[in-house]
Amino acid sequence: MAINIDDPEADALTRTFARMAGLSISEAIVTAMKEAIDRRRNREEPLETARPNGELDRIASGTSRSRSFLAGEAVAAYVDRELEIIDGIKRGIADAAGRLVPHEEAMAEIFDVIRKAETGKGDKV
């Protein structure tokens, strides 16, 4: 059975691919279709990639929830956890305000103590 390509873009793409691959028009169509079908068959969905052992399906089945619902719940839990971490860091920074010493100042004091110890002029530790 013959294939008739009436679409100018499809015709141009097929001819370009045939030239690039060194194929006849028919071979180019067959090759392109095989590659497209193979890509679709082997395409991993994000949820499948995340849990390849069917764990998400087990949870969905056991809870009567959809995989997309569970994925949404997981994202919400992740966001909540990350926001708690960020808030904790901000609280810690605010709590330490006024009690922190800049790095340069701390290092200057350390070097001063070392210098005094080396010259014998510092307090015994």
PDB file of N, CA and C in Angstrom:
ATOM      1  N   MET A   1       0.852  -1.168   0.000  1.00  0.00           N
ATOM      2  CA  MET A   1       0.000   0.000   0.000  1.00  0.00           C
ATOM      3  C   MET A   1       0.900   1.234   0.000  1.00  0.00           C
ATOM      4  N   ALA A   2       0.601   2.183  -0.814  1.00  0.00           N
ATOM      5  CA  ALA A   2       1.416   3.383  -0.954  1.00  0.00           C
ATOM      6  C   ALA A   2       1.013   4.421   0.079  1.00  0.00           C
ATOM      7  N   ILE A   3       2.002   5.221   0.468  1.00  0.00           N
ATOM      8  CA  ILE A   3       1.739   6.331   1.378  1.00  0.00           C
ATOM      9  C   ILE A   3       1.827   7.600   0.561  1.00  0.00           C
ATOM     10  N   ASN A   4       0.809   8.425   0.685  1.00  0.00           N
ATOM     11  CA  ASN A   4       0.793   9.690  -0.046  1.00  0.00           C
ATOM     12  C   ASN A   4       0.896  10.808   0.980  1.00  0.00           C
ATOM     13  N   ILE A   5       1.961  11.591   0.924  1.00  0.00           N
ATOM     14  CA  ILE A   5       2.153  12.681   1.873  1.00  0.00           C
ATOM     15  C   ILE A   5       1.677  13.964   1.212  1.00  0.00           C
ATOM     16  N   ASP A   6       0.519  14.459   1.673  1.00  0.00           N
ATOM     17  CA  ASP A   6      -0.048  15.679   1.122  1.00  0.00           C
ATOM     18  C   ASP A   6       0.406  16.924   1.890  1.00  0.00           C
ATOM     19  N   ASP A   7       0.939  16.721   3.070  1.00  0.00           N
ATOM     20  CA  ASP A   7       1.344  17.851   3.921  1.00  0.00           C
ATOM     21  C   ASP A   7       2.748  18.301   3.519  1.00  0.00           C
ATOM     22  N   PRO A   8       2.907  19.574   3.096  1.00  0.00           N
ATOM     23  CA  PRO A   8       4.218  20.054   2.650  1.00  0.00           C
ATOM     24  C   PRO A   8       5.292  19.965   3.743  1.00  0.00           C
ATOM     25  N   GLU A   9       4.919  20.223   4.993  1.00  0.00           N
ATOM     26  CA  GLU A   9       5.895  20.145   6.081  1.00  0.00           C
ATOM     27  C   GLU A   9       6.340  18.706   6.294  1.00  0.00           C
ATOM     28  N   ALA A  10       5.388  17.764   6.303  1.00  0.00           N
ATOM     29  CA  ALA A  10       5.718  16.354   6.466  1.00  0.00           C
ATOM     30  C   ALA A  10       6.612  15.882   5.326  1.00  0.00           C
ATOM     31  N   ASP A  11       6.304  16.325   4.110  1.00  0.00           N
ATOM     32  CA  ASP A  11       7.118  15.957   2.953  1.00  0.00           C
ATOM     33  C   ASP A  11       8.542  16.499   3.108  1.00  0.00           C
ATOM     34  N   ALA A  12       8.668  17.762   3.507  1.00  0.00           N
ATOM     35  CA  ALA A  12       9.986  18.382   3.658  1.00  0.00           C
ATOM     36  C   ALA A  12      10.786  17.693   4.769  1.00  0.00           C
ATOM     37  N   LEU A  13      10.139  17.426   5.891  1.00  0.00           N
ATOM     38  CA  LEU A  13      10.827  16.766   7.000  1.00  0.00           C
ATOM     39  C   LEU A  13      11.297  15.366   6.603  1.00  0.00           C
ATOM     40  N   THR A  14      10.441  14.634   5.903  1.00  0.00           N
ATOM     41  CA  THR A  14      10.782  13.282   5.484  1.00  0.00           C
ATOM     42  C   THR A  14      11.967  13.299   4.517  1.00  0.00           C
ATOM     43  N   ARG A  15      11.939  14.215   3.578  1.00  0.00           N
ATOM     44  CA  ARG A  15      13.037  14.311   2.609  1.00  0.00           C
ATOM     45  C   ARG A  15      14.339  14.740   3.289  1.00  0.00           C
ATOM     46  N   THR A  16      14.246  15.669   4.247  1.00  0.00           N
ATOM     47  CA  THR A  16      15.441  16.106   4.979  1.00  0.00           C
ATOM     48  C   THR A  16      16.030  14.950   5.765  1.00  0.00           C
ATOM     49  N   PHE A  17      15.173  14.214   6.470  1.00  0.00           N
ATOM     50  CA  PHE A  17      15.649  13.078   7.264  1.00  0.00           C
ATOM     51  C   PHE A  17      16.263  12.011   6.352  1.00  0.00           C
ATOM     52  N   ALA A  18      15.638  11.749   5.216  1.00  0.00           N
ATOM     53  CA  ALA A  18      16.146  10.746   4.281  1.00  0.00           C
ATOM     54  C   ALA A  18      17.537  11.138   3.791  1.00  0.00           C
ATOM     55  N   ARG A  19      17.714  12.412   3.455  1.00  0.00           N
ATOM     56  CA  ARG A  19      19.037  12.876   3.009  1.00  0.00           C
ATOM     57  C   ARG A  19      20.066  12.757   4.123  1.00  0.00           C
ATOM     58  N   MET A  20      19.687  13.192   5.340  1.00  0.00           N
ATOM     59  CA  MET A  20      20.621  13.143   6.479  1.00  0.00           C
ATOM     60  C   MET A  20      21.048  11.715   6.791  1.00  0.00           C
ATOM     61  N   ALA A  21      20.110  10.778   6.712  1.00  0.00           N
ATOM     62  CA  ALA A  21      20.379   9.391   7.101  1.00  0.00           C
ATOM     63  C   ALA A  21      20.834   8.534   5.921  1.00  0.00           C
ATOM     64  N   GLY A  22      20.813   9.102   4.716  1.00  0.00           N
ATOM     65  CA  GLY A  22      21.203   8.337   3.542  1.00  0.00           C
ATOM     66  C   GLY A  22      20.216   7.233   3.223  1.00  0.00           C
ATOM     67  N   LEU A  23      18.933   7.520   3.389  1.00  0.00           N
ATOM     68  CA  LEU A  23      17.887   6.526   3.191  1.00  0.00           C
ATOM     69  C   LEU A  23      16.953   6.943   2.062  1.00  0.00           C
ATOM     70  N   SER A  24      16.189   5.965   1.586  1.00  0.00           N
ATOM     71  CA  SER A  24      15.114   6.301   0.660  1.00  0.00           C
ATOM     72  C   SER A  24      13.988   6.941   1.467  1.00  0.00           C
ATOM     73  N   ILE A  25      13.033   7.532   0.771  1.00  0.00           N
ATOM     74  CA  ILE A  25      11.901   8.159   1.449  1.00  0.00           C
ATOM     75  C   ILE A  25      11.166   7.112   2.287  1.00  0.00           C
ATOM     76  N   SER A  26      10.909   5.941   1.723  1.00  0.00           N
ATOM     77  CA  SER A  26      10.199   4.888   2.453  1.00  0.00           C
ATOM     78  C   SER A  26      10.995   4.438   3.665  1.00  0.00           C
ATOM     79  N   GLU A  27      12.316   4.249   3.494  1.00  0.00           N
ATOM     80  CA  GLU A  27      13.155   3.829   4.618  1.00  0.00           C
ATOM     81  C   GLU A  27      13.179   4.909   5.708  1.00  0.00           C
ATOM     82  N   ALA A  28      13.185   6.169   5.298  1.00  0.00           N
ATOM     83  CA  ALA A  28      13.187   7.264   6.275  1.00  0.00           C
ATOM     84  C   ALA A  28      11.912   7.254   7.093  1.00  0.00           C
ATOM     85  N   ILE A  29      10.785   7.026   6.428  1.00  0.00           N
ATOM     86  CA  ILE A  29       9.509   6.981   7.143  1.00  0.00           C
ATOM     87  C   ILE A  29       9.494   5.806   8.117  1.00  0.00           C
ATOM     88  N   VAL A  30       9.918   4.632   7.665  1.00  0.00           N
ATOM     89  CA  VAL A  30       9.929   3.445   8.527  1.00  0.00           C
ATOM     90  C   VAL A  30      10.858   3.670   9.717  1.00  0.00           C
ATOM     91  N   THR A  31      12.059   4.194   9.465  1.00  0.00           N
ATOM     92  CA  THR A  31      13.022   4.433  10.536  1.00  0.00           C
ATOM     93  C   THR A  31      12.476   5.437  11.546  1.00  0.00           C
ATOM     94  N   ALA A  32      11.942   6.541  11.060  1.00  0.00           N
ATOM     95  CA  ALA A  32      11.407   7.576  11.952  1.00  0.00           C
ATOM     96  C   ALA A  32      10.250   7.033  12.784  1.00  0.00           C
ATOM     97  N   MET A  33       9.381   6.251  12.165  1.00  0.00           N
ATOM     98  CA  MET A  33       8.235   5.707  12.896  1.00  0.00           C
ATOM     99  C   MET A  33       8.687   4.686  13.928  1.00  0.00           C
ATOM    100  N   LYS A  34       9.647   3.826  13.587  1.00  0.00           N
ATOM    101  CA  LYS A  34      10.169   2.858  14.557  1.00  0.00           C
ATOM    102  C   LYS A  34      10.793   3.571  15.756  1.00  0.00           C
ATOM    103  N   GLU A  35      11.584   4.615  15.472  1.00  0.00           N
ATOM    104  CA  GLU A  35      12.214   5.366  16.561  1.00  0.00           C
ATOM    105  C   GLU A  35      11.168   6.053  17.446  1.00  0.00           C
ATOM    106  N   ALA A  36      10.156   6.639  16.826  1.00  0.00           N
ATOM    107  CA  ALA A  36       9.104   7.315  17.590  1.00  0.00           C
ATOM    108  C   ALA A  36       8.335   6.317  18.457  1.00  0.00           C
ATOM    109  N   ILE A  37       8.011   5.165  17.883  1.00  0.00           N
ATOM    110  CA  ILE A  37       7.284   4.141  18.643  1.00  0.00           C
ATOM    111  C   ILE A  37       8.145   3.628  19.789  1.00  0.00           C
ATOM    112  N   ASP A  38       9.433   3.382  19.517  1.00  0.00           N
ATOM    113  CA  ASP A  38      10.342   2.892  20.556  1.00  0.00           C
ATOM    114  C   ASP A  38      10.463   3.908  21.690  1.00  0.00           C
ATOM    115  N   ARG A  39      10.593   5.193  21.344  1.00  0.00           N
ATOM    116  CA  ARG A  39      10.682   6.233  22.391  1.00  0.00           C
ATOM    117  C   ARG A  39       9.418   6.251  23.240  1.00  0.00           C
ATOM    118  N   ARG A  40       8.280   6.114  22.635  1.00  0.00           N
ATOM    119  CA  ARG A  40       7.026   6.143  23.401  1.00  0.00           C
ATOM    120  C   ARG A  40       6.881   4.906  24.282  1.00  0.00           C
ATOM    121  N   ARG A  41       7.293   3.763  23.779  1.00  0.00           N
ATOM    122  CA  ARG A  41       7.204   2.535  24.576  1.00  0.00           C
ATOM    123  C   ARG A  41       8.147   2.564  25.773  1.00  0.00           C
ATOM    124  N   ASN A  42       9.298   3.169  25.582  1.00  0.00           N
ATOM    125  CA  ASN A  42      10.322   3.157  26.625  1.00  0.00           C
ATOM    126  C   ASN A  42      10.341   4.425  27.471  1.00  0.00           C
ATOM    127  N   ARG A  43       9.426   5.315  27.205  1.00  0.00           N
ATOM    128  CA  ARG A  43       9.399   6.568  27.954  1.00  0.00           C
ATOM    129  C   ARG A  43       9.011   6.293  29.399  1.00  0.00           C
ATOM    130  N   GLU A  44       9.781   6.870  30.304  1.00  0.00           N
ATOM    131  CA  GLU A  44       9.472   6.727  31.727  1.00  0.00           C
ATOM    132  C   GLU A  44       8.653   7.922  32.177  1.00  0.00           C
ATOM    133  N   GLU A  45       7.606   7.641  32.855  1.00  0.00           N
ATOM    134  CA  GLU A  45       6.822   8.706  33.461  1.00  0.00           C
ATOM    135  C   GLU A  45       7.535   9.157  34.730  1.00  0.00           C
ATOM    136  N   PRO A  46       7.422  10.431  35.117  1.00  0.00           N
ATOM    137  CA  PRO A  46       8.094  10.897  36.332  1.00  0.00           C
ATOM    138  C   PRO A  46       7.765  10.060  37.565  1.00  0.00           C
ATOM    139  N   LEU A  47       6.521   9.656  37.710  1.00  0.00           N
ATOM    140  CA  LEU A  47       6.142   8.867  38.878  1.00  0.00           C
ATOM    141  C   LEU A  47       6.759   7.478  38.822  1.00  0.00           C
ATOM    142  N   GLU A  48       6.908   6.914  37.620  1.00  0.00           N
ATOM    143  CA  GLU A  48       7.534   5.607  37.492  1.00  0.00           C
ATOM    144  C   GLU A  48       9.027   5.700  37.770  1.00  0.00           C
ATOM    145  N   THR A  49       9.647   6.780  37.334  1.00  0.00           N
ATOM    146  CA  THR A  49      11.074   6.977  37.563  1.00  0.00           C
ATOM    147  C   THR A  49      11.343   7.134  39.050  1.00  0.00           C
ATOM    148  N   ALA A  50      10.448   7.820  39.748  1.00  0.00           N
ATOM    149  CA  ALA A  50      10.655   8.063  41.173  1.00  0.00           C
ATOM    150  C   ALA A  50      10.570   6.774  41.978  1.00  0.00           C
ATOM    151  N   ARG A  51       9.673   5.889  41.628  1.00  0.00           N
ATOM    152  CA  ARG A  51       9.498   4.645  42.375  1.00  0.00           C
ATOM    153  C   ARG A  51       9.342   3.486  41.395  1.00  0.00           C
ATOM    154  N   PRO A  52      10.457   2.964  40.873  1.00  0.00           N
ATOM    155  CA  PRO A  52      10.369   1.936  39.838  1.00  0.00           C
ATOM    156  C   PRO A  52       9.869   0.581  40.322  1.00  0.00           C
ATOM    157  N   ASN A  53       9.837   0.335  41.608  1.00  0.00           N
ATOM    158  CA  ASN A  53       9.445  -0.976  42.107  1.00  0.00           C
ATOM    159  C   ASN A  53       7.955  -1.096  42.402  1.00  0.00           C
ATOM    160  N   GLY A  54       7.163  -0.167  41.919  1.00  0.00           N
ATOM    161  CA  GLY A  54       5.730  -0.233  42.134  1.00  0.00           C
ATOM    162  C   GLY A  54       5.285   0.184  43.521  1.00  0.00           C
ATOM    163  N   GLU A  55       6.173   0.821  44.283  1.00  0.00           N
ATOM    164  CA  GLU A  55       5.816   1.217  45.649  1.00  0.00           C
ATOM    165  C   GLU A  55       4.677   2.229  45.650  1.00  0.00           C
ATOM    166  N   LEU A  56       4.719   3.159  44.706  1.00  0.00           N
ATOM    167  CA  LEU A  56       3.655   4.157  44.635  1.00  0.00           C
ATOM    168  C   LEU A  56       2.324   3.504  44.294  1.00  0.00           C
ATOM    169  N   ASP A  57       2.366   2.532  43.394  1.00  0.00           N
ATOM    170  CA  ASP A  57       1.141   1.797  43.057  1.00  0.00           C
ATOM    171  C   ASP A  57       0.596   1.046  44.267  1.00  0.00           C
ATOM    172  N   ARG A  58       1.486   0.468  45.072  1.00  0.00           N
ATOM    173  CA  ARG A  58       1.046  -0.245  46.277  1.00  0.00           C
ATOM    174  C   ARG A  58       0.348   0.704  47.241  1.00  0.00           C
ATOM    175  N   ILE A  59       0.916   1.891  47.424  1.00  0.00           N
ATOM    176  CA  ILE A  59       0.296   2.865  48.327  1.00  0.00           C
ATOM    177  C   ILE A  59      -1.042   3.312  47.764  1.00  0.00           C
ATOM    178  N   ALA A  60      -1.060   3.606  46.448  1.00  0.00           N
ATOM    179  CA  ALA A  60      -2.307   4.043  45.816  1.00  0.00           C
ATOM    180  C   ALA A  60      -3.392   2.991  45.974  1.00  0.00           C
ATOM    181  N   SER A  61      -3.025   1.746  45.750  1.00  0.00           N
ATOM    182  CA  SER A  61      -3.989   0.655  45.878  1.00  0.00           C
ATOM    183  C   SER A  61      -4.436   0.475  47.325  1.00  0.00           C
ATOM    184  N   GLY A  62      -3.497   0.529  48.239  1.00  0.00           N
ATOM    185  CA  GLY A  62      -3.810   0.310  49.651  1.00  0.00           C
ATOM    186  C   GLY A  62      -4.596   1.436  50.290  1.00  0.00           C
ATOM    187  N   THR A  63      -4.510   2.629  49.708  1.00  0.00           N
ATOM    188  CA  THR A  63      -5.211   3.779  50.297  1.00  0.00           C
ATOM    189  C   THR A  63      -6.391   4.247  49.454  1.00  0.00           C
ATOM    190  N   SER A  64      -6.610   3.580  48.327  1.00  0.00           N
ATOM    191  CA  SER A  64      -7.665   3.981  47.382  1.00  0.00           C
ATOM    192  C   SER A  64      -7.486   5.428  46.928  1.00  0.00           C
ATOM    193  N   ARG A  65      -6.257   5.826  46.741  1.00  0.00           N
ATOM    194  CA  ARG A  65      -5.928   7.163  46.241  1.00  0.00           C
ATOM    195  C   ARG A  65      -5.230   7.020  44.903  1.00  0.00           C
ATOM    196  N   SER A  66      -5.304   8.074  44.081  1.00  0.00           N
ATOM    197  CA  SER A  66      -4.609   8.036  42.798  1.00  0.00           C
ATOM    198  C   SER A  66      -3.126   8.338  43.000  1.00  0.00           C
ATOM    199  N   ARG A  67      -2.334   7.897  42.035  1.00  0.00           N
ATOM    200  CA  ARG A  67      -0.895   8.180  42.098  1.00  0.00           C
ATOM    201  C   ARG A  67      -0.646   9.688  42.069  1.00  0.00           C
ATOM    202  N   SER A  68      -1.419  10.418  41.277  1.00  0.00           N
ATOM    203  CA  SER A  68      -1.208  11.862  41.206  1.00  0.00           C
ATOM    204  C   SER A  68      -1.577  12.544  42.523  1.00  0.00           C
ATOM    205  N   PHE A  69      -2.598  12.041  43.210  1.00  0.00           N
ATOM    206  CA  PHE A  69      -2.944  12.586  44.518  1.00  0.00           C
ATOM    207  C   PHE A  69      -1.796  12.362  45.488  1.00  0.00           C
ATOM    208  N   LEU A  70      -1.251  11.137  45.492  1.00  0.00           N
ATOM    209  CA  LEU A  70      -0.142  10.821  46.393  1.00  0.00           C
ATOM    210  C   LEU A  70       1.091  11.662  46.059  1.00  0.00           C
ATOM    211  N   ALA A  71       1.338  11.882  44.781  1.00  0.00           N
ATOM    212  CA  ALA A  71       2.473  12.720  44.389  1.00  0.00           C
ATOM    213  C   ALA A  71       2.272  14.146  44.892  1.00  0.00           C
ATOM    214  N   GLY A  72       1.050  14.641  44.793  1.00  0.00           N
ATOM    215  CA  GLY A  72       0.748  15.983  45.308  1.00  0.00           C
ATOM    216  C   GLY A  72       0.950  16.065  46.808  1.00  0.00           C
ATOM    217  N   GLU A  73       0.537  15.023  47.506  1.00  0.00           N
ATOM    218  CA  GLU A  73       0.744  14.973  48.957  1.00  0.00           C
ATOM    219  C   GLU A  73       2.231  14.965  49.302  1.00  0.00           C
ATOM    220  N   ALA A  74       3.000  14.219  48.528  1.00  0.00           N
ATOM    221  CA  ALA A  74       4.450  14.144  48.775  1.00  0.00           C
ATOM    222  C   ALA A  74       5.097  15.508  48.549  1.00  0.00           C
ATOM    223  N   VAL A  75       4.690  16.197  47.504  1.00  0.00           N
ATOM    224  CA  VAL A  75       5.239  17.531  47.237  1.00  0.00           C
ATOM    225  C   VAL A  75       4.852  18.483  48.365  1.00  0.00           C
ATOM    226  N   ALA A  76       3.610  18.425  48.815  1.00  0.00           N
ATOM    227  CA  ALA A  76       3.169  19.298  49.910  1.00  0.00           C
ATOM    228  C   ALA A  76       3.972  19.022  51.183  1.00  0.00           C
ATOM    229  N   ALA A  77       4.206  17.757  51.484  1.00  0.00           N
ATOM    230  CA  ALA A  77       4.991  17.406  52.674  1.00  0.00           C
ATOM    231  C   ALA A  77       6.422  17.899  52.539  1.00  0.00           C
ATOM    232  N   TYR A  78       6.982  17.764  51.355  1.00  0.00           N
ATOM    233  CA  TYR A  78       8.344  18.250  51.103  1.00  0.00           C
ATOM    234  C   TYR A  78       8.421  19.761  51.306  1.00  0.00           C
ATOM    235  N   VAL A  79       7.461  20.482  50.741  1.00  0.00           N
ATOM    236  CA  VAL A  79       7.451  21.939  50.879  1.00  0.00           C
ATOM    237  C   VAL A  79       7.329  22.336  52.344  1.00  0.00           C
ATOM    238  N   ASP A  80       6.436  21.686  53.079  1.00  0.00           N
ATOM    239  CA  ASP A  80       6.277  21.989  54.504  1.00  0.00           C
ATOM    240  C   ASP A  80       7.579  21.760  55.267  1.00  0.00           C
ATOM    241  N   ARG A  81       8.236  20.621  54.993  1.00  0.00           N
ATOM    242  CA  ARG A  81       9.479  20.295  55.680  1.00  0.00           C
ATOM    243  C   ARG A  81      10.578  21.311  55.354  1.00  0.00           C
ATOM    244  N   GLU A  82      10.705  21.668  54.086  1.00  0.00           N
ATOM    245  CA  GLU A  82      11.736  22.632  53.684  1.00  0.00           C
ATOM    246  C   GLU A  82      11.480  24.006  54.288  1.00  0.00           C
ATOM    247  N   LEU A  83      10.214  24.415  54.340  1.00  0.00           N
ATOM    248  CA  LEU A  83       9.884  25.706  54.946  1.00  0.00           C
ATOM    249  C   LEU A  83      10.204  25.713  56.439  1.00  0.00           C
ATOM    250  N   GLU A  84       9.966  24.595  57.113  1.00  0.00           N
ATOM    251  CA  GLU A  84      10.328  24.490  58.533  1.00  0.00           C
ATOM    252  C   GLU A  84      11.835  24.640  58.715  1.00  0.00           C
ATOM    253  N   ILE A  85      12.604  24.032  57.830  1.00  0.00           N
ATOM    254  CA  ILE A  85      14.063  24.144  57.907  1.00  0.00           C
ATOM    255  C   ILE A  85      14.494  25.592  57.699  1.00  0.00           C
ATOM    256  N   ILE A  86      13.939  26.229  56.686  1.00  0.00           N
ATOM    257  CA  ILE A  86      14.281  27.631  56.407  1.00  0.00           C
ATOM    258  C   ILE A  86      13.908  28.517  57.584  1.00  0.00           C
ATOM    259  N   ASP A  87      12.710  28.307  58.126  1.00  0.00           N
ATOM    260  CA  ASP A  87      12.277  29.103  59.283  1.00  0.00           C
ATOM    261  C   ASP A  87      13.192  28.869  60.481  1.00  0.00           C
ATOM    262  N   GLY A  88      13.619  27.631  60.697  1.00  0.00           N
ATOM    263  CA  GLY A  88      14.530  27.323  61.800  1.00  0.00           C
ATOM    264  C   GLY A  88      15.872  28.010  61.634  1.00  0.00           C
ATOM    265  N   ILE A  89      16.367  28.029  60.419  1.00  0.00           N
ATOM    266  CA  ILE A  89      17.636  28.721  60.147  1.00  0.00           C
ATOM    267  C   ILE A  89      17.489  30.212  60.427  1.00  0.00           C
ATOM    268  N   LYS A  90      16.394  30.793  59.969  1.00  0.00           N
ATOM    269  CA  LYS A  90      16.170  32.232  60.205  1.00  0.00           C
ATOM    270  C   LYS A  90      16.052  32.528  61.697  1.00  0.00           C
ATOM    271  N   ARG A  91      15.359  31.648  62.448  1.00  0.00           N
ATOM    272  CA  ARG A  91      15.252  31.846  63.900  1.00  0.00           C
ATOM    273  C   ARG A  91      16.623  31.766  64.558  1.00  0.00           C
ATOM    274  N   GLY A  92      17.434  30.812  64.120  1.00  0.00           N
ATOM    275  CA  GLY A  92      18.778  30.669  64.671  1.00  0.00           C
ATOM    276  C   GLY A  92      19.644  31.882  64.400  1.00  0.00           C
ATOM    277  N   ILE A  93      19.566  32.405  63.210  1.00  0.00           N
ATOM    278  CA  ILE A  93      20.340  33.604  62.860  1.00  0.00           C
ATOM    279  C   ILE A  93      19.883  34.788  63.698  1.00  0.00           C
ATOM    280  N   ALA A  94      18.574  34.938  63.829  1.00  0.00           N
ATOM    281  CA  ALA A  94      18.045  36.046  64.637  1.00  0.00           C
ATOM    282  C   ALA A  94      18.453  35.897  66.100  1.00  0.00           C
ATOM    283  N   ASP A  95      18.424  34.668  66.615  1.00  0.00           N
ATOM    284  CA  ASP A  95      18.785  34.414  68.004  1.00  0.00           C
ATOM    285  C   ASP A  95      20.260  34.730  68.263  1.00  0.00           C
ATOM    286  N   ALA A  96      21.105  34.448  67.276  1.00  0.00           N
ATOM    287  CA  ALA A  96      22.547  34.649  67.446  1.00  0.00           C
ATOM    288  C   ALA A  96      22.977  36.093  67.193  1.00  0.00           C
ATOM    289  N   ALA A  97      22.078  36.904  66.682  1.00  0.00           N
ATOM    290  CA  ALA A  97      22.435  38.295  66.361  1.00  0.00           C
ATOM    291  C   ALA A  97      22.992  38.993  67.603  1.00  0.00           C
ATOM    292  N   GLY A  98      24.084  39.697  67.435  1.00  0.00           N
ATOM    293  CA  GLY A  98      24.705  40.416  68.535  1.00  0.00           C
ATOM    294  C   GLY A  98      25.697  39.563  69.307  1.00  0.00           C
ATOM    295  N   ARG A  99      25.656  38.247  69.115  1.00  0.00           N
ATOM    296  CA  ARG A  99      26.580  37.365  69.829  1.00  0.00           C
ATOM    297  C   ARG A  99      27.620  36.762  68.897  1.00  0.00           C
ATOM    298  N   LEU A 100      27.549  37.091  67.639  1.00  0.00           N
ATOM    299  CA  LEU A 100      28.488  36.544  66.677  1.00  0.00           C
ATOM    300  C   LEU A 100      29.643  37.508  66.465  1.00  0.00           C
ATOM    301  N   VAL A 101      30.795  36.970  66.181  1.00  0.00           N
ATOM    302  CA  VAL A 101      31.987  37.764  65.909  1.00  0.00           C
ATOM    303  C   VAL A 101      32.347  37.534  64.441  1.00  0.00           C
ATOM    304  N   PRO A 102      32.605  38.590  63.699  1.00  0.00           N
ATOM    305  CA  PRO A 102      33.003  38.406  62.307  1.00  0.00           C
ATOM    306  C   PRO A 102      34.267  37.534  62.215  1.00  0.00           C
ATOM    307  N   HIS A 103      34.380  36.787  61.157  1.00  0.00           N
ATOM    308  CA  HIS A 103      35.488  35.855  60.960  1.00  0.00           C
ATOM    309  C   HIS A 103      36.842  36.558  61.088  1.00  0.00           C
ATOM    310  N   GLU A 104      36.969  37.686  60.437  1.00  0.00           N
ATOM    311  CA  GLU A 104      38.244  38.410  60.463  1.00  0.00           C
ATOM    312  C   GLU A 104      38.633  38.794  61.890  1.00  0.00           C
ATOM    313  N   GLU A 105      37.653  39.232  62.662  1.00  0.00           N
ATOM    314  CA  GLU A 105      37.913  39.620  64.053  1.00  0.00           C
ATOM    315  C   GLU A 105      38.332  38.411  64.892  1.00  0.00           C
ATOM    316  N   ALA A 106      37.648  37.296  64.702  1.00  0.00           N
ATOM    317  CA  ALA A 106      37.985  36.077  65.449  1.00  0.00           C
ATOM    318  C   ALA A 106      39.387  35.602  65.093  1.00  0.00           C
ATOM    319  N   MET A 107      39.720  35.609  63.799  1.00  0.00           N
ATOM    320  CA  MET A 107      41.044  35.162  63.376  1.00  0.00           C
ATOM    321  C   MET A 107      42.136  36.097  63.897  1.00  0.00           C
ATOM    322  N   ALA A 108      41.875  37.404  63.926  1.00  0.00           N
ATOM    323  CA  ALA A 108      42.859  38.353  64.450  1.00  0.00           C
ATOM    324  C   ALA A 108      43.128  38.060  65.920  1.00  0.00           C
ATOM    325  N   GLU A 109      42.077  37.762  66.679  1.00  0.00           N
ATOM    326  CA  GLU A 109      42.245  37.456  68.101  1.00  0.00           C
ATOM    327  C   GLU A 109      43.022  36.148  68.287  1.00  0.00           C
ATOM    328  N   ILE A 110      42.716  35.154  67.459  1.00  0.00           N
ATOM    329  CA  ILE A 110      43.432  33.874  67.542  1.00  0.00           C
ATOM    330  C   ILE A 110      44.911  34.066  67.230  1.00  0.00           C
ATOM    331  N   PHE A 111      45.210  34.804  66.168  1.00  0.00           N
ATOM    332  CA  PHE A 111      46.609  35.034  65.800  1.00  0.00           C
ATOM    333  C   PHE A 111      47.335  35.840  66.876  1.00  0.00           C
ATOM    334  N   ASP A 112      46.622  36.746  67.517  1.00  0.00           N
ATOM    335  CA  ASP A 112      47.225  37.527  68.595  1.00  0.00           C
ATOM    336  C   ASP A 112      47.596  36.620  69.768  1.00  0.00           C
ATOM    337  N   VAL A 113      46.704  35.700  70.117  1.00  0.00           N
ATOM    338  CA  VAL A 113      46.974  34.759  71.204  1.00  0.00           C
ATOM    339  C   VAL A 113      48.167  33.874  70.838  1.00  0.00           C
ATOM    340  N   ILE A 114      48.217  33.415  69.597  1.00  0.00           N
ATOM    341  CA  ILE A 114      49.334  32.565  69.150  1.00  0.00           C
ATOM    342  C   ILE A 114      50.648  33.344  69.210  1.00  0.00           C
ATOM    343  N   ARG A 115      50.628  34.570  68.722  1.00  0.00           N
ATOM    344  CA  ARG A 115      51.839  35.395  68.732  1.00  0.00           C
ATOM    345  C   ARG A 115      52.337  35.611  70.150  1.00  0.00           C
ATOM    346  N   LYS A 116      51.435  35.937  71.052  1.00  0.00           N
ATOM    347  CA  LYS A 116      51.816  36.159  72.448  1.00  0.00           C
ATOM    348  C   LYS A 116      52.363  34.875  73.072  1.00  0.00           C
ATOM    349  N   ALA A 117      51.757  33.741  72.742  1.00  0.00           N
ATOM    350  CA  ALA A 117      52.219  32.465  73.293  1.00  0.00           C
ATOM    351  C   ALA A 117      53.617  32.144  72.775  1.00  0.00           C
ATOM    352  N   GLU A 118      53.866  32.433  71.523  1.00  0.00           N
ATOM    353  CA  GLU A 118      55.170  32.154  70.946  1.00  0.00           C
ATOM    354  C   GLU A 118      56.260  33.038  71.524  1.00  0.00           C
ATOM    355  N   THR A 119      55.923  34.256  71.888  1.00  0.00           N
ATOM    356  CA  THR A 119      56.925  35.176  72.459  1.00  0.00           C
ATOM    357  C   THR A 119      56.977  35.074  73.963  1.00  0.00           C
ATOM    358  N   GLY A 120      56.119  34.260  74.562  1.00  0.00           N
ATOM    359  CA  GLY A 120      56.108  34.089  76.000  1.00  0.00           C
ATOM    360  C   GLY A 120      55.446  35.213  76.740  1.00  0.00           C
ATOM    361  N   LYS A 121      54.662  36.036  76.052  1.00  0.00           N
ATOM    362  CA  LYS A 121      54.028  37.183  76.702  1.00  0.00           C
ATOM    363  C   LYS A 121      52.544  36.944  76.986  1.00  0.00           C
ATOM    364  N   GLY A 122      52.041  35.791  76.611  1.00  0.00           N
ATOM    365  CA  GLY A 122      50.622  35.569  76.807  1.00  0.00           C
ATOM    366  C   GLY A 122      50.332  34.872  78.122  1.00  0.00           C
ATOM    367  N   ASP A 123      49.055  34.843  78.495  1.00  0.00           N
ATOM    368  CA  ASP A 123      48.630  34.125  79.692  1.00  0.00           C
ATOM    369  C   ASP A 123      48.771  32.636  79.424  1.00  0.00           C
ATOM    370  N   LYS A 124      49.099  31.908  80.493  1.00  0.00           N
ATOM    371  CA  LYS A 124      49.195  30.453  80.396  1.00  0.00           C
ATOM    372  C   LYS A 124      47.776  29.894  80.250  1.00  0.00           C
ATOM    373  N   VAL A 125      47.615  28.965  79.339  1.00  0.00           N
ATOM    374  CA  VAL A 125      46.307  28.374  79.095  1.00  0.00           C
ATOM    375  C   VAL A 125      46.212  27.045  79.799  1.00  0.00           C
TER     376      VAL A 125
END
